[in-house]
Amino acid sequence: MASPSDFPVAHSRAVLESSEFIFPKLYLFHPLRDTDGGQITIIDVNGTSGFGATIVNNWAIHDGPDPNAAIVARAEGLRISAGSWHNSFSIVFEIARFSKSTIQVMGISGLSGNGVGDGEWAIVGGTGEFAMATGTISRNFLERRGDDNIIELAIRGFLPLVQPPRSVVKIGPWGGVGGEQDITDEPWRLESITLNSAEVVDAIAFCYIDQTNQKRTAGPWGGSGGSSETIELGPSELLKEVSGTFGRYHGVSVITSLTFVTSVRIHGPFGEGAGTSFNTPIQNNSGSIVGFFGRSAKYLNTIGLYVNPA
């Protein structure tokens, strides 16, 4: 039996915008009978259930209602009788502008007979110029001419414009000297922070999700003194501000206090707070602090921030 780990899901943090395409008037020529090159019945209807008739179609789509109008594409696929007619086909473009591009279409015809009537089909994908397309195709019965129904199509679709996530930026650091501490995997979201503190901030550790959706840990950076407290951020909780102080303690410059402000609550201050103040509010509503860097030895000497501008 397959386990959930056999079907991994990678969450995307890309920002999606869309461009719109509109073809307000194209004309589908739908033959009502089997024709050479237009459509052919490959499975007859089941006499008991009335279901199951299957027709392969290769309908011409023109740029005007006249049979001599230019063919811009063909609707190539299947129609299956299931009460009404279920359609699944590709609009395969033949004009140079969209050569080798397709729009994938699904939906019902809206009629229990053999015709294609008024209604809508769904655009469920595409290739080439129409990759990842979504939208609708409105149908309007225009006229019957001989053995063909002429259906006016209005196509409206959307194409995603994928923008990569913005790179995080470094702010700071504040404090003194010590052994340099940093992370190697660019962070995307902060999950928790653990502080050891008493009179000053002895150490910091944190967990974060990196840009490849992997959970990472960093620290502890600093010594083992003081009492420990962990801040767990909720699924939609963002760290919006870090403030604190730094100053001399036992002859070295250290972080003497830290306060964390999330989108939900305030944590701290941790440490007693003597020395020079610093404060880093994130004004952008969607931006957040997602990680830390700094210097440490026996205490946390320096702290800087990774900010996701989002």
C-alpha atoms as a PDB file:
ATOM      1  CA  MET A   1       0.000   0.000   0.000  1.00  0.00           C
ATOM      2  CA  ALA A   2       1.310   3.453  -0.902  1.00  0.00           C
ATOM      3  CA  SER A   3       2.188   5.753   1.968  1.00  0.00           C
ATOM      4  CA  PRO A   4       1.695   9.559   1.973  1.00  0.00           C
ATOM      5  CA  SER A   5       5.444   9.975   1.489  1.00  0.00           C
ATOM      6  CA  ASP A   6       5.073   8.365  -1.953  1.00  0.00           C
ATOM      7  CA  PHE A   7       3.156  11.446  -3.124  1.00  0.00           C
ATOM      8  CA  PRO A   8       5.178  14.497  -2.032  1.00  0.00           C
ATOM      9  CA  VAL A   9       3.685  17.952  -2.498  1.00  0.00           C
ATOM     10  CA  ALA A  10       5.981  20.933  -3.052  1.00  0.00           C
ATOM     11  CA  HIS A  11       4.288  24.197  -2.107  1.00  0.00           C
ATOM     12  CA  SER A  12       5.007  27.104  -4.433  1.00  0.00           C
ATOM     13  CA  ARG A  13       5.554  30.602  -3.147  1.00  0.00           C
ATOM     14  CA  ALA A  14       5.511  32.136  -6.626  1.00  0.00           C
ATOM     15  CA  VAL A  15       3.266  35.139  -7.112  1.00  0.00           C
ATOM     16  CA  LEU A  16       0.677  34.510  -9.829  1.00  0.00           C
ATOM     17  CA  GLU A  17      -0.695  37.209 -12.083  1.00  0.00           C
ATOM     18  CA  SER A  18      -2.684  36.635 -15.263  1.00  0.00           C
ATOM     19  CA  SER A  19      -2.839  37.960 -18.788  1.00  0.00           C
ATOM     20  CA  GLU A  20      -6.164  37.725 -20.622  1.00  0.00           C
ATOM     21  CA  PHE A  21      -6.850  36.549 -24.155  1.00  0.00           C
ATOM     22  CA  ILE A  22     -10.175  37.108 -25.905  1.00  0.00           C
ATOM     23  CA  PHE A  23     -11.353  35.775 -29.284  1.00  0.00           C
ATOM     24  CA  PRO A  24     -14.833  37.329 -29.426  1.00  0.00           C
ATOM     25  CA  LYS A  25     -16.099  35.739 -32.653  1.00  0.00           C
ATOM     26  CA  LEU A  26     -14.988  32.434 -34.096  1.00  0.00           C
ATOM     27  CA  TYR A  27     -17.312  30.031 -35.902  1.00  0.00           C
ATOM     28  CA  LEU A  28     -17.430  26.275 -35.353  1.00  0.00           C
ATOM     29  CA  PHE A  29     -18.934  24.215 -38.168  1.00  0.00           C
ATOM     30  CA  HIS A  30     -20.550  21.190 -36.514  1.00  0.00           C
ATOM     31  CA  PRO A  31     -21.746  18.455 -38.905  1.00  0.00           C
ATOM     32  CA  LEU A  32     -24.953  16.715 -37.856  1.00  0.00           C
ATOM     33  CA  ARG A  33     -23.956  13.470 -39.618  1.00  0.00           C
ATOM     34  CA  ASP A  34     -20.775  11.466 -40.037  1.00  0.00           C
ATOM     35  CA  THR A  35     -18.589  13.063 -42.689  1.00  0.00           C
ATOM     36  CA  ASP A  36     -15.194  12.415 -44.175  1.00  0.00           C
ATOM     37  CA  GLY A  37     -12.697  14.346 -42.080  1.00  0.00           C
ATOM     38  CA  GLY A  38     -15.332  16.082 -39.931  1.00  0.00           C
ATOM     39  CA  GLN A  39     -16.576  13.444 -37.505  1.00  0.00           C
ATOM     40  CA  ILE A  40     -17.219   9.704 -37.338  1.00  0.00           C
ATOM     41  CA  THR A  41     -19.193   7.520 -34.940  1.00  0.00           C
ATOM     42  CA  ILE A  42     -16.958   4.789 -33.514  1.00  0.00           C
ATOM     43  CA  ILE A  43     -19.383   3.320 -30.909  1.00  0.00           C
ATOM     44  CA  ASP A  44     -23.159   3.200 -31.357  1.00  0.00           C
ATOM     45  CA  VAL A  45     -25.534   4.046 -28.537  1.00  0.00           C
ATOM     46  CA  ASN A  46     -26.345   1.229 -26.086  1.00  0.00           C
ATOM     47  CA  GLY A  47     -29.929   0.137 -26.765  1.00  0.00           C
ATOM     48  CA  THR A  48     -30.698  -0.553 -23.087  1.00  0.00           C
ATOM     49  CA  SER A  49     -29.209   2.437 -21.319  1.00  0.00           C
ATOM     50  CA  GLY A  50     -29.231   4.953 -24.151  1.00  0.00           C
ATOM     51  CA  PHE A  51     -25.659   5.830 -23.173  1.00  0.00           C
ATOM     52  CA  GLY A  52     -22.264   5.256 -24.639  1.00  0.00           C
ATOM     53  CA  ALA A  53     -22.368   6.539 -28.207  1.00  0.00           C
ATOM     54  CA  THR A  54     -18.902   7.865 -29.001  1.00  0.00           C
ATOM     55  CA  ILE A  55     -18.035  10.219 -31.834  1.00  0.00           C
ATOM     56  CA  VAL A  56     -14.564  11.319 -32.878  1.00  0.00           C
ATOM     57  CA  ASN A  57     -14.642  14.903 -34.100  1.00  0.00           C
ATOM     58  CA  ASN A  58     -12.379  17.104 -36.195  1.00  0.00           C
ATOM     59  CA  TRP A  59     -14.532  20.209 -36.538  1.00  0.00           C
ATOM     60  CA  ALA A  60     -13.331  23.237 -38.462  1.00  0.00           C
ATOM     61  CA  ILE A  61     -13.272  26.601 -36.694  1.00  0.00           C
ATOM     62  CA  HIS A  62     -13.408  29.571 -39.090  1.00  0.00           C
ATOM     63  CA  ASP A  63     -12.818  33.291 -38.622  1.00  0.00           C
ATOM     64  CA  GLY A  64     -16.220  34.031 -40.188  1.00  0.00           C
ATOM     65  CA  PRO A  65     -19.639  32.361 -40.637  1.00  0.00           C
ATOM     66  CA  ASP A  66     -19.126  31.810 -44.374  1.00  0.00           C
ATOM     67  CA  PRO A  67     -17.835  28.357 -45.384  1.00  0.00           C
ATOM     68  CA  ASN A  68     -15.154  30.073 -47.433  1.00  0.00           C
ATOM     69  CA  ALA A  69     -13.825  31.980 -44.412  1.00  0.00           C
ATOM     70  CA  ALA A  70     -10.323  31.056 -43.311  1.00  0.00           C
ATOM     71  CA  ILE A  71      -9.918  28.065 -41.013  1.00  0.00           C
ATOM     72  CA  VAL A  72      -8.003  29.191 -37.925  1.00  0.00           C
ATOM     73  CA  ALA A  73      -8.178  25.966 -35.878  1.00  0.00           C
ATOM     74  CA  ARG A  74      -9.759  22.551 -35.553  1.00  0.00           C
ATOM     75  CA  ALA A  75     -11.585  21.019 -32.600  1.00  0.00           C
ATOM     76  CA  GLU A  76     -10.079  17.536 -32.348  1.00  0.00           C
ATOM     77  CA  GLY A  77     -11.383  15.066 -29.761  1.00  0.00           C
ATOM     78  CA  LEU A  78     -14.353  13.056 -28.551  1.00  0.00           C
ATOM     79  CA  ARG A  79     -18.057  13.359 -27.820  1.00  0.00           C
ATOM     80  CA  ILE A  80     -19.613  10.738 -25.569  1.00  0.00           C
ATOM     81  CA  SER A  81     -23.334  10.340 -24.925  1.00  0.00           C
ATOM     82  CA  ALA A  82     -24.104  10.312 -21.192  1.00  0.00           C
ATOM     83  CA  GLY A  83     -27.612  11.780 -21.047  1.00  0.00           C
ATOM     84  CA  SER A  84     -26.310  14.888 -22.752  1.00  0.00           C
ATOM     85  CA  TRP A  85     -23.165  14.940 -24.847  1.00  0.00           C
ATOM     86  CA  HIS A  86     -19.888  15.189 -22.975  1.00  0.00           C
ATOM     87  CA  ASN A  87     -17.149  16.903 -24.988  1.00  0.00           C
ATOM     88  CA  SER A  88     -13.410  16.593 -24.538  1.00  0.00           C
ATOM     89  CA  PHE A  89     -11.245  18.057 -27.264  1.00  0.00           C
ATOM     90  CA  SER A  90      -8.270  20.222 -28.189  1.00  0.00           C
ATOM     91  CA  ILE A  91      -8.534  23.393 -30.228  1.00  0.00           C
ATOM     92  CA  VAL A  92      -5.485  22.971 -32.445  1.00  0.00           C
ATOM     93  CA  PHE A  93      -4.529  26.246 -34.096  1.00  0.00           C
ATOM     94  CA  GLU A  94      -3.459  26.275 -37.742  1.00  0.00           C
ATOM     95  CA  ILE A  95      -2.760  29.976 -38.229  1.00  0.00           C
ATOM     96  CA  ALA A  96       0.876  31.055 -38.026  1.00  0.00           C
ATOM     97  CA  ARG A  97       0.374  33.318 -34.990  1.00  0.00           C
ATOM     98  CA  PHE A  98      -0.540  30.342 -32.771  1.00  0.00           C
ATOM     99  CA  SER A  99       0.979  27.494 -34.755  1.00  0.00           C
ATOM    100  CA  LYS A 100       1.334  24.287 -32.690  1.00  0.00           C
ATOM    101  CA  SER A 101      -0.473  25.878 -29.720  1.00  0.00           C
ATOM    102  CA  THR A 102      -3.611  24.272 -28.279  1.00  0.00           C
ATOM    103  CA  ILE A 103      -6.467  25.044 -25.925  1.00  0.00           C
ATOM    104  CA  GLN A 104      -7.886  22.086 -23.974  1.00  0.00           C
ATOM    105  CA  VAL A 105     -11.695  22.103 -23.686  1.00  0.00           C
ATOM    106  CA  MET A 106     -14.218  20.085 -21.665  1.00  0.00           C
ATOM    107  CA  GLY A 107     -17.948  20.310 -20.997  1.00  0.00           C
ATOM    108  CA  ILE A 108     -21.398  19.279 -22.156  1.00  0.00           C
ATOM    109  CA  SER A 109     -23.211  20.337 -25.313  1.00  0.00           C
ATOM    110  CA  GLY A 110     -26.451  21.051 -23.546  1.00  0.00           C
ATOM    111  CA  LEU A 111     -28.598  19.024 -25.939  1.00  0.00           C
ATOM    112  CA  SER A 112     -29.866  15.455 -25.729  1.00  0.00           C
ATOM    113  CA  GLY A 113     -29.891  15.247 -29.540  1.00  0.00           C
ATOM    114  CA  ASN A 114     -26.872  15.219 -31.800  1.00  0.00           C
ATOM    115  CA  GLY A 115     -26.416  18.989 -32.031  1.00  0.00           C
ATOM    116  CA  VAL A 116     -24.244  21.489 -30.214  1.00  0.00           C
ATOM    117  CA  GLY A 117     -26.420  24.167 -28.637  1.00  0.00           C
ATOM    118  CA  ASP A 118     -26.055  27.354 -26.644  1.00  0.00           C
ATOM    119  CA  GLY A 119     -24.036  27.185 -23.445  1.00  0.00           C
ATOM    120  CA  GLU A 120     -20.455  27.130 -22.241  1.00  0.00           C
ATOM    121  CA  TRP A 121     -17.425  24.897 -22.281  1.00  0.00           C
ATOM    122  CA  ALA A 122     -14.552  25.129 -19.815  1.00  0.00           C
ATOM    123  CA  ILE A 123     -10.962  25.843 -20.781  1.00  0.00           C
ATOM    124  CA  VAL A 124      -8.960  23.420 -18.637  1.00  0.00           C
ATOM    125  CA  GLY A 125      -5.447  23.879 -19.966  1.00  0.00           C
ATOM    126  CA  GLY A 126      -3.336  24.551 -22.988  1.00  0.00           C
ATOM    127  CA  THR A 127       0.065  24.317 -24.608  1.00  0.00           C
ATOM    128  CA  GLY A 128       2.421  26.670 -26.412  1.00  0.00           C
ATOM    129  CA  GLU A 129       1.064  30.227 -26.400  1.00  0.00           C
ATOM    130  CA  PHE A 130      -1.784  29.002 -24.165  1.00  0.00           C
ATOM    131  CA  ALA A 131       0.186  27.000 -21.594  1.00  0.00           C
ATOM    132  CA  MET A 132      -1.736  26.554 -18.303  1.00  0.00           C
ATOM    133  CA  ALA A 133      -4.780  28.412 -19.692  1.00  0.00           C
ATOM    134  CA  THR A 134      -8.099  28.607 -17.846  1.00  0.00           C
ATOM    135  CA  GLY A 135     -11.374  30.230 -18.852  1.00  0.00           C
ATOM    136  CA  THR A 136     -14.620  29.618 -20.711  1.00  0.00           C
ATOM    137  CA  ILE A 137     -15.938  29.338 -24.258  1.00  0.00           C
ATOM    138  CA  SER A 138     -19.446  30.686 -24.763  1.00  0.00           C
ATOM    139  CA  ARG A 139     -21.502  29.063 -27.527  1.00  0.00           C
ATOM    140  CA  ASN A 140     -24.329  30.665 -29.469  1.00  0.00           C
ATOM    141  CA  PHE A 141     -26.243  28.777 -32.163  1.00  0.00           C
ATOM    142  CA  LEU A 142     -26.103  30.994 -35.239  1.00  0.00           C
ATOM    143  CA  GLU A 143     -27.799  29.030 -38.020  1.00  0.00           C
ATOM    144  CA  ARG A 144     -28.203  25.669 -39.714  1.00  0.00           C
ATOM    145  CA  ARG A 145     -26.744  25.483 -43.201  1.00  0.00           C
ATOM    146  CA  GLY A 146     -27.262  22.175 -44.987  1.00  0.00           C
ATOM    147  CA  ASP A 147     -25.951  19.409 -42.733  1.00  0.00           C
ATOM    148  CA  ASP A 148     -23.941  21.817 -40.573  1.00  0.00           C
ATOM    149  CA  ASN A 149     -24.830  23.817 -37.525  1.00  0.00           C
ATOM    150  CA  ILE A 150     -22.804  27.008 -37.333  1.00  0.00           C
ATOM    151  CA  ILE A 151     -21.943  27.884 -33.733  1.00  0.00           C
ATOM    152  CA  GLU A 152     -20.536  31.276 -32.805  1.00  0.00           C
ATOM    153  CA  LEU A 153     -17.804  30.967 -30.174  1.00  0.00           C
ATOM    154  CA  ALA A 154     -16.604  33.646 -27.761  1.00  0.00           C
ATOM    155  CA  ILE A 155     -13.375  32.515 -26.105  1.00  0.00           C
ATOM    156  CA  ARG A 156     -12.150  34.225 -22.945  1.00  0.00           C
ATOM    157  CA  GLY A 157      -9.160  32.834 -21.095  1.00  0.00           C
ATOM    158  CA  PHE A 158      -6.391  33.677 -18.687  1.00  0.00           C
ATOM    159  CA  LEU A 159      -2.698  32.782 -18.719  1.00  0.00           C
ATOM    160  CA  PRO A 160      -0.637  32.798 -15.502  1.00  0.00           C
ATOM    161  CA  LEU A 161       2.403  35.038 -15.340  1.00  0.00           C
ATOM    162  CA  VAL A 162       4.674  33.403 -12.807  1.00  0.00           C
ATOM    163  CA  GLN A 163       7.031  35.650 -10.853  1.00  0.00           C
ATOM    164  CA  PRO A 164       9.725  34.013  -8.683  1.00  0.00           C
ATOM    165  CA  PRO A 165       9.672  34.798  -4.970  1.00  0.00           C
ATOM    166  CA  ARG A 166      11.706  37.825  -3.997  1.00  0.00           C
ATOM    167  CA  SER A 167      15.051  37.198  -2.377  1.00  0.00           C
ATOM    168  CA  VAL A 168      15.305  37.918   1.313  1.00  0.00           C
ATOM    169  CA  VAL A 169      17.389  40.871   2.453  1.00  0.00           C
ATOM    170  CA  LYS A 170      19.704  41.262   5.442  1.00  0.00           C
ATOM    171  CA  ILE A 171      19.181  44.048   7.996  1.00  0.00           C
ATOM    172  CA  GLY A 172      21.718  44.858  10.697  1.00  0.00           C
ATOM    173  CA  PRO A 173      23.607  43.595  12.626  1.00  0.00           C
ATOM    174  CA  TRP A 174      23.590  45.280  16.042  1.00  0.00           C
ATOM    175  CA  GLY A 175      25.943  44.523  18.918  1.00  0.00           C
ATOM    176  CA  GLY A 176      29.602  43.636  19.408  1.00  0.00           C
ATOM    177  CA  VAL A 177      32.172  41.108  18.248  1.00  0.00           C
ATOM    178  CA  GLY A 178      32.307  37.323  18.485  1.00  0.00           C
ATOM    179  CA  GLY A 179      32.298  34.231  16.331  1.00  0.00           C
ATOM    180  CA  GLU A 180      30.312  34.757  13.146  1.00  0.00           C
ATOM    181  CA  GLN A 181      27.013  32.835  12.881  1.00  0.00           C
ATOM    182  CA  ASP A 182      24.829  32.524   9.803  1.00  0.00           C
ATOM    183  CA  ILE A 183      22.592  30.127   7.876  1.00  0.00           C
ATOM    184  CA  THR A 184      23.365  28.566   4.493  1.00  0.00           C
ATOM    185  CA  ASP A 185      19.792  27.949   3.227  1.00  0.00           C
ATOM    186  CA  GLU A 186      17.833  31.065   2.309  1.00  0.00           C
ATOM    187  CA  PRO A 187      14.792  31.310   4.622  1.00  0.00           C
ATOM    188  CA  TRP A 188      11.190  31.832   3.558  1.00  0.00           C
ATOM    189  CA  ARG A 189       9.143  31.485   6.773  1.00  0.00           C
ATOM    190  CA  LEU A 190      10.014  31.507  10.475  1.00  0.00           C
ATOM    191  CA  GLU A 191       8.425  28.787  12.625  1.00  0.00           C
ATOM    192  CA  SER A 192       9.884  29.184  16.133  1.00  0.00           C
ATOM    193  CA  ILE A 193      12.490  31.043  18.212  1.00  0.00           C
ATOM    194  CA  THR A 194      14.185  29.784  21.380  1.00  0.00           C
ATOM    195  CA  LEU A 195      15.898  32.261  23.715  1.00  0.00           C
ATOM    196  CA  ASN A 196      18.173  31.652  26.694  1.00  0.00           C
ATOM    197  CA  SER A 197      18.294  34.790  28.819  1.00  0.00           C
ATOM    198  CA  ALA A 198      18.715  36.237  32.287  1.00  0.00           C
ATOM    199  CA  GLU A 199      20.411  39.649  32.704  1.00  0.00           C
ATOM    200  CA  VAL A 200      21.358  39.501  29.011  1.00  0.00           C
ATOM    201  CA  VAL A 201      20.523  37.277  26.054  1.00  0.00           C
ATOM    202  CA  ASP A 202      22.740  34.225  26.414  1.00  0.00           C
ATOM    203  CA  ALA A 203      21.744  32.393  23.218  1.00  0.00           C
ATOM    204  CA  ILE A 204      19.277  32.192  20.333  1.00  0.00           C
ATOM    205  CA  ALA A 205      18.107  29.259  18.210  1.00  0.00           C
ATOM    206  CA  PHE A 206      15.346  29.103  15.597  1.00  0.00           C
ATOM    207  CA  CYS A 207      13.498  26.873  13.138  1.00  0.00           C
ATOM    208  CA  TYR A 208      12.544  28.049   9.660  1.00  0.00           C
ATOM    209  CA  ILE A 209      11.264  26.830   6.287  1.00  0.00           C
ATOM    210  CA  ASP A 210      13.703  27.475   3.467  1.00  0.00           C
ATOM    211  CA  GLN A 211      13.014  28.442  -0.151  1.00  0.00           C
ATOM    212  CA  THR A 212      12.782  24.750  -1.166  1.00  0.00           C
ATOM    213  CA  ASN A 213      10.115  24.066   1.492  1.00  0.00           C
ATOM    214  CA  GLN A 214      12.509  22.171   3.789  1.00  0.00           C
ATOM    215  CA  LYS A 215      12.459  22.649   7.563  1.00  0.00           C
ATOM    216  CA  ARG A 216      15.800  23.892   8.927  1.00  0.00           C
ATOM    217  CA  THR A 217      17.186  24.622  12.401  1.00  0.00           C
ATOM    218  CA  ALA A 218      19.924  27.052  13.426  1.00  0.00           C
ATOM    219  CA  GLY A 219      21.693  27.523  16.752  1.00  0.00           C
ATOM    220  CA  PRO A 220      21.878  27.735  19.594  1.00  0.00           C
ATOM    221  CA  TRP A 221      24.279  30.617  19.074  1.00  0.00           C
ATOM    222  CA  GLY A 222      25.783  31.596  22.423  1.00  0.00           C
ATOM    223  CA  GLY A 223      26.181  30.012  25.834  1.00  0.00           C
ATOM    224  CA  SER A 224      24.020  27.789  27.993  1.00  0.00           C
ATOM    225  CA  GLY A 225      23.242  30.267  30.791  1.00  0.00           C
ATOM    226  CA  GLY A 226      19.874  31.764  31.636  1.00  0.00           C
ATOM    227  CA  SER A 227      16.414  30.259  31.392  1.00  0.00           C
ATOM    228  CA  SER A 228      15.011  28.969  28.108  1.00  0.00           C
ATOM    229  CA  GLU A 229      11.763  29.995  26.435  1.00  0.00           C
ATOM    230  CA  THR A 230      10.423  29.066  22.992  1.00  0.00           C
ATOM    231  CA  ILE A 231       8.132  31.201  20.834  1.00  0.00           C
ATOM    232  CA  GLU A 232       6.012  29.108  18.467  1.00  0.00           C
ATOM    233  CA  LEU A 233       4.512  31.023  15.543  1.00  0.00           C
ATOM    234  CA  GLY A 234       1.090  29.950  14.300  1.00  0.00           C
ATOM    235  CA  PRO A 235       0.467  28.917  10.663  1.00  0.00           C
ATOM    236  CA  SER A 236      -0.483  32.462   9.598  1.00  0.00           C
ATOM    237  CA  GLU A 237       1.477  34.354  12.269  1.00  0.00           C
ATOM    238  CA  LEU A 238       4.305  36.578  11.012  1.00  0.00           C
ATOM    239  CA  LEU A 239       7.184  38.160  12.909  1.00  0.00           C
ATOM    240  CA  LYS A 240       6.771  41.878  12.170  1.00  0.00           C
ATOM    241  CA  GLU A 241       9.233  43.617  14.510  1.00  0.00           C
ATOM    242  CA  VAL A 242      12.368  42.930  16.534  1.00  0.00           C
ATOM    243  CA  SER A 243      13.665  45.475  19.021  1.00  0.00           C
ATOM    244  CA  GLY A 244      16.275  45.319  21.746  1.00  0.00           C
ATOM    245  CA  THR A 245      19.369  46.761  23.334  1.00  0.00           C
ATOM    246  CA  PHE A 246      23.093  46.023  23.276  1.00  0.00           C
ATOM    247  CA  GLY A 247      25.834  47.081  25.682  1.00  0.00           C
ATOM    248  CA  ARG A 248      28.818  46.006  27.813  1.00  0.00           C
ATOM    249  CA  TYR A 249      28.479  42.998  30.098  1.00  0.00           C
ATOM    250  CA  HIS A 250      31.440  41.408  31.887  1.00  0.00           C
ATOM    251  CA  GLY A 251      33.782  43.340  29.634  1.00  0.00           C
ATOM    252  CA  VAL A 252      32.257  42.405  26.258  1.00  0.00           C
ATOM    253  CA  SER A 253      29.547  43.944  24.063  1.00  0.00           C
ATOM    254  CA  VAL A 254      26.460  41.705  24.005  1.00  0.00           C
ATOM    255  CA  ILE A 255      22.761  41.783  23.242  1.00  0.00           C
ATOM    256  CA  THR A 256      21.243  42.825  26.555  1.00  0.00           C
ATOM    257  CA  SER A 257      17.572  42.406  25.583  1.00  0.00           C
ATOM    258  CA  LEU A 258      15.269  41.322  22.754  1.00  0.00           C
ATOM    259  CA  THR A 259      11.537  41.833  22.148  1.00  0.00           C
ATOM    260  CA  PHE A 260       9.587  40.154  19.339  1.00  0.00           C
ATOM    261  CA  VAL A 261       6.331  41.529  17.906  1.00  0.00           C
ATOM    262  CA  THR A 262       4.313  39.194  15.706  1.00  0.00           C
ATOM    263  CA  SER A 263       1.110  39.836  13.802  1.00  0.00           C
ATOM    264  CA  VAL A 264      -0.707  38.358  16.815  1.00  0.00           C
ATOM    265  CA  ARG A 265       1.159  39.239  20.040  1.00  0.00           C
ATOM    266  CA  ILE A 266       4.281  40.595  21.779  1.00  0.00           C
ATOM    267  CA  HIS A 267       6.981  38.352  23.307  1.00  0.00           C
ATOM    268  CA  GLY A 268       9.517  39.736  25.739  1.00  0.00           C
ATOM    269  CA  PRO A 269      11.556  41.545  26.623  1.00  0.00           C
ATOM    270  CA  PHE A 270      14.131  38.814  27.171  1.00  0.00           C
ATOM    271  CA  GLY A 271      17.061  40.206  29.208  1.00  0.00           C
ATOM    272  CA  GLU A 272      17.212  43.298  31.432  1.00  0.00           C
ATOM    273  CA  GLY A 273      17.855  45.820  28.680  1.00  0.00           C
ATOM    274  CA  ALA A 274      20.794  48.091  29.494  1.00  0.00           C
ATOM    275  CA  GLY A 275      22.610  49.919  26.681  1.00  0.00           C
ATOM    276  CA  THR A 276      21.877  51.225  23.203  1.00  0.00           C
ATOM    277  CA  SER A 277      18.453  50.596  21.656  1.00  0.00           C
ATOM    278  CA  PHE A 278      17.590  49.350  18.173  1.00  0.00           C
ATOM    279  CA  ASN A 279      14.228  48.708  16.517  1.00  0.00           C
ATOM    280  CA  THR A 280      13.266  47.158  13.144  1.00  0.00           C
ATOM    281  CA  PRO A 281       9.518  47.312  12.350  1.00  0.00           C
ATOM    282  CA  ILE A 282       8.420  45.805   9.015  1.00  0.00           C
ATOM    283  CA  GLN A 283       5.931  48.219   7.450  1.00  0.00           C
ATOM    284  CA  ASN A 284       4.813  46.057   4.513  1.00  0.00           C
ATOM    285  CA  ASN A 285       1.700  44.095   5.526  1.00  0.00           C
ATOM    286  CA  SER A 286       2.885  40.945   3.734  1.00  0.00           C
ATOM    287  CA  GLY A 287       6.575  41.299   4.679  1.00  0.00           C
ATOM    288  CA  SER A 288       8.070  39.539   7.682  1.00  0.00           C
ATOM    289  CA  ILE A 289      11.275  38.657   9.522  1.00  0.00           C
ATOM    290  CA  VAL A 290      12.181  35.086   8.596  1.00  0.00           C
ATOM    291  CA  GLY A 291      15.580  34.373  10.169  1.00  0.00           C
ATOM    292  CA  PHE A 292      18.653  35.678  11.967  1.00  0.00           C
ATOM    293  CA  PHE A 293      22.422  35.966  11.697  1.00  0.00           C
ATOM    294  CA  GLY A 294      24.981  37.347  14.135  1.00  0.00           C
ATOM    295  CA  ARG A 295      28.002  36.671  16.331  1.00  0.00           C
ATOM    296  CA  SER A 296      28.309  34.748  19.578  1.00  0.00           C
ATOM    297  CA  ALA A 297      30.675  33.285  22.146  1.00  0.00           C
ATOM    298  CA  LYS A 298      29.650  32.887  25.791  1.00  0.00           C
ATOM    299  CA  TYR A 299      26.708  35.211  25.070  1.00  0.00           C
ATOM    300  CA  LEU A 300      24.838  36.425  22.005  1.00  0.00           C
ATOM    301  CA  ASN A 301      27.106  39.299  20.983  1.00  0.00           C
ATOM    302  CA  THR A 302      25.428  40.484  17.764  1.00  0.00           C
ATOM    303  CA  ILE A 303      22.109  39.955  15.985  1.00  0.00           C
ATOM    304  CA  GLY A 304      20.929  40.724  12.448  1.00  0.00           C
ATOM    305  CA  LEU A 305      17.734  39.896  10.595  1.00  0.00           C
ATOM    306  CA  TYR A 306      16.650  38.199   7.381  1.00  0.00           C
ATOM    307  CA  VAL A 307      13.580  39.951   5.980  1.00  0.00           C
ATOM    308  CA  ASN A 308      11.232  38.562   3.344  1.00  0.00           C
ATOM    309  CA  PRO A 309       9.785  41.666   1.622  1.00  0.00           C
ATOM    310  CA  ALA A 310       6.958  39.577   0.068  1.00  0.00           C
END
